[in-house]
């Protein structure tokens, strides 16, 4: 997944910490099981769409 820009502030910036991680590592940081499965499936989803995650390049 390619990111073109980051905003210095967003609605929840005081409540959340932004980190850029490989999807396997990011999934280990997610406590919600449903969201964890989404993060783990991201690479396959992007592959079907013809894109890749930065970690997979």
C-alpha atoms as a PDB file:
ATOM      1  CA  UNK A   1       0.000   0.000   0.000  1.00  0.00           C
ATOM      2  CA  UNK A   2       1.468   3.354  -0.951  1.00  0.00           C
ATOM      3  CA  UNK A   3       1.009   6.458   1.147  1.00  0.00           C
ATOM      4  CA  UNK A   4       1.343   9.769  -0.665  1.00  0.00           C
ATOM      5  CA  UNK A   5       1.155  12.042   2.361  1.00  0.00           C
ATOM      6  CA  UNK A   6       0.490  12.083   6.078  1.00  0.00           C
ATOM      7  CA  UNK A   7      -1.537  14.699   7.880  1.00  0.00           C
ATOM      8  CA  UNK A   8       0.099  16.151  10.995  1.00  0.00           C
ATOM      9  CA  UNK A   9      -3.264  16.056  12.761  1.00  0.00           C
ATOM     10  CA  UNK A  10      -6.438  14.048  12.314  1.00  0.00           C
ATOM     11  CA  UNK A  11      -9.618  13.827  14.434  1.00  0.00           C
ATOM     12  CA  UNK A  12      -8.175  11.211  16.846  1.00  0.00           C
ATOM     13  CA  UNK A  13      -4.502  12.244  16.817  1.00  0.00           C
ATOM     14  CA  UNK A  14      -4.423  12.779  20.571  1.00  0.00           C
ATOM     15  CA  UNK A  15      -5.895   9.318  21.215  1.00  0.00           C
ATOM     16  CA  UNK A  16      -3.934   7.193  18.700  1.00  0.00           C
ATOM     17  CA  UNK A  17      -0.336   6.607  17.759  1.00  0.00           C
ATOM     18  CA  UNK A  18       0.590   6.196  14.088  1.00  0.00           C
ATOM     19  CA  UNK A  19       3.177   3.542  13.231  1.00  0.00           C
ATOM     20  CA  UNK A  20       4.155   2.077   9.865  1.00  0.00           C
ATOM     21  CA  UNK A  21       4.720  -1.666  10.241  1.00  0.00           C
ATOM     22  CA  UNK A  22       4.700  -4.798   8.072  1.00  0.00           C
ATOM     23  CA  UNK A  23       1.184  -6.248   8.146  1.00  0.00           C
ATOM     24  CA  UNK A  24       2.174  -9.273  10.281  1.00  0.00           C
ATOM     25  CA  UNK A  25       3.667  -7.028  12.949  1.00  0.00           C
ATOM     26  CA  UNK A  26       0.746  -4.589  12.733  1.00  0.00           C
ATOM     27  CA  UNK A  27      -1.722  -7.446  13.227  1.00  0.00           C
ATOM     28  CA  UNK A  28       0.048  -8.468  16.430  1.00  0.00           C
ATOM     29  CA  UNK A  29      -0.631  -4.959  17.804  1.00  0.00           C
ATOM     30  CA  UNK A  30      -4.384  -5.133  17.109  1.00  0.00           C
ATOM     31  CA  UNK A  31      -6.515  -6.387  19.995  1.00  0.00           C
ATOM     32  CA  UNK A  32      -9.798  -6.822  18.096  1.00  0.00           C
ATOM     33  CA  UNK A  33      -9.912 -10.241  16.412  1.00  0.00           C
ATOM     34  CA  UNK A  34     -12.001  -9.084  13.452  1.00  0.00           C
ATOM     35  CA  UNK A  35      -9.708  -6.164  12.704  1.00  0.00           C
ATOM     36  CA  UNK A  36      -6.661  -8.429  13.136  1.00  0.00           C
ATOM     37  CA  UNK A  37      -8.023 -10.763  10.434  1.00  0.00           C
ATOM     38  CA  UNK A  38      -8.558  -7.782   8.114  1.00  0.00           C
ATOM     39  CA  UNK A  39      -4.978  -6.607   8.613  1.00  0.00           C
ATOM     40  CA  UNK A  40      -3.638 -10.131   8.009  1.00  0.00           C
ATOM     41  CA  UNK A  41      -5.703 -10.416   4.813  1.00  0.00           C
ATOM     42  CA  UNK A  42      -4.579  -7.054   3.460  1.00  0.00           C
ATOM     43  CA  UNK A  43      -1.671  -8.386   1.404  1.00  0.00           C
ATOM     44  CA  UNK A  44      -3.890 -10.955  -0.369  1.00  0.00           C
ATOM     45  CA  UNK A  45      -6.590  -8.326  -0.975  1.00  0.00           C
ATOM     46  CA  UNK A  46      -4.102  -5.918  -2.532  1.00  0.00           C
ATOM     47  CA  UNK A  47      -2.573  -8.687  -4.650  1.00  0.00           C
ATOM     48  CA  UNK A  48      -5.988  -9.397  -6.180  1.00  0.00           C
ATOM     49  CA  UNK A  49      -6.318  -5.697  -6.994  1.00  0.00           C
ATOM     50  CA  UNK A  50      -2.866  -5.637  -8.600  1.00  0.00           C
ATOM     51  CA  UNK A  51      -1.132  -3.637  -5.872  1.00  0.00           C
ATOM     52  CA  UNK A  52       1.221  -4.674  -3.064  1.00  0.00           C
ATOM     53  CA  UNK A  53       2.074  -3.631   0.446  1.00  0.00           C
ATOM     54  CA  UNK A  54       5.337  -1.730   0.848  1.00  0.00           C
ATOM     55  CA  UNK A  55       6.725  -4.559   2.991  1.00  0.00           C
ATOM     56  CA  UNK A  56       6.046  -7.070   0.212  1.00  0.00           C
ATOM     57  CA  UNK A  57       8.062  -5.151  -2.417  1.00  0.00           C
END
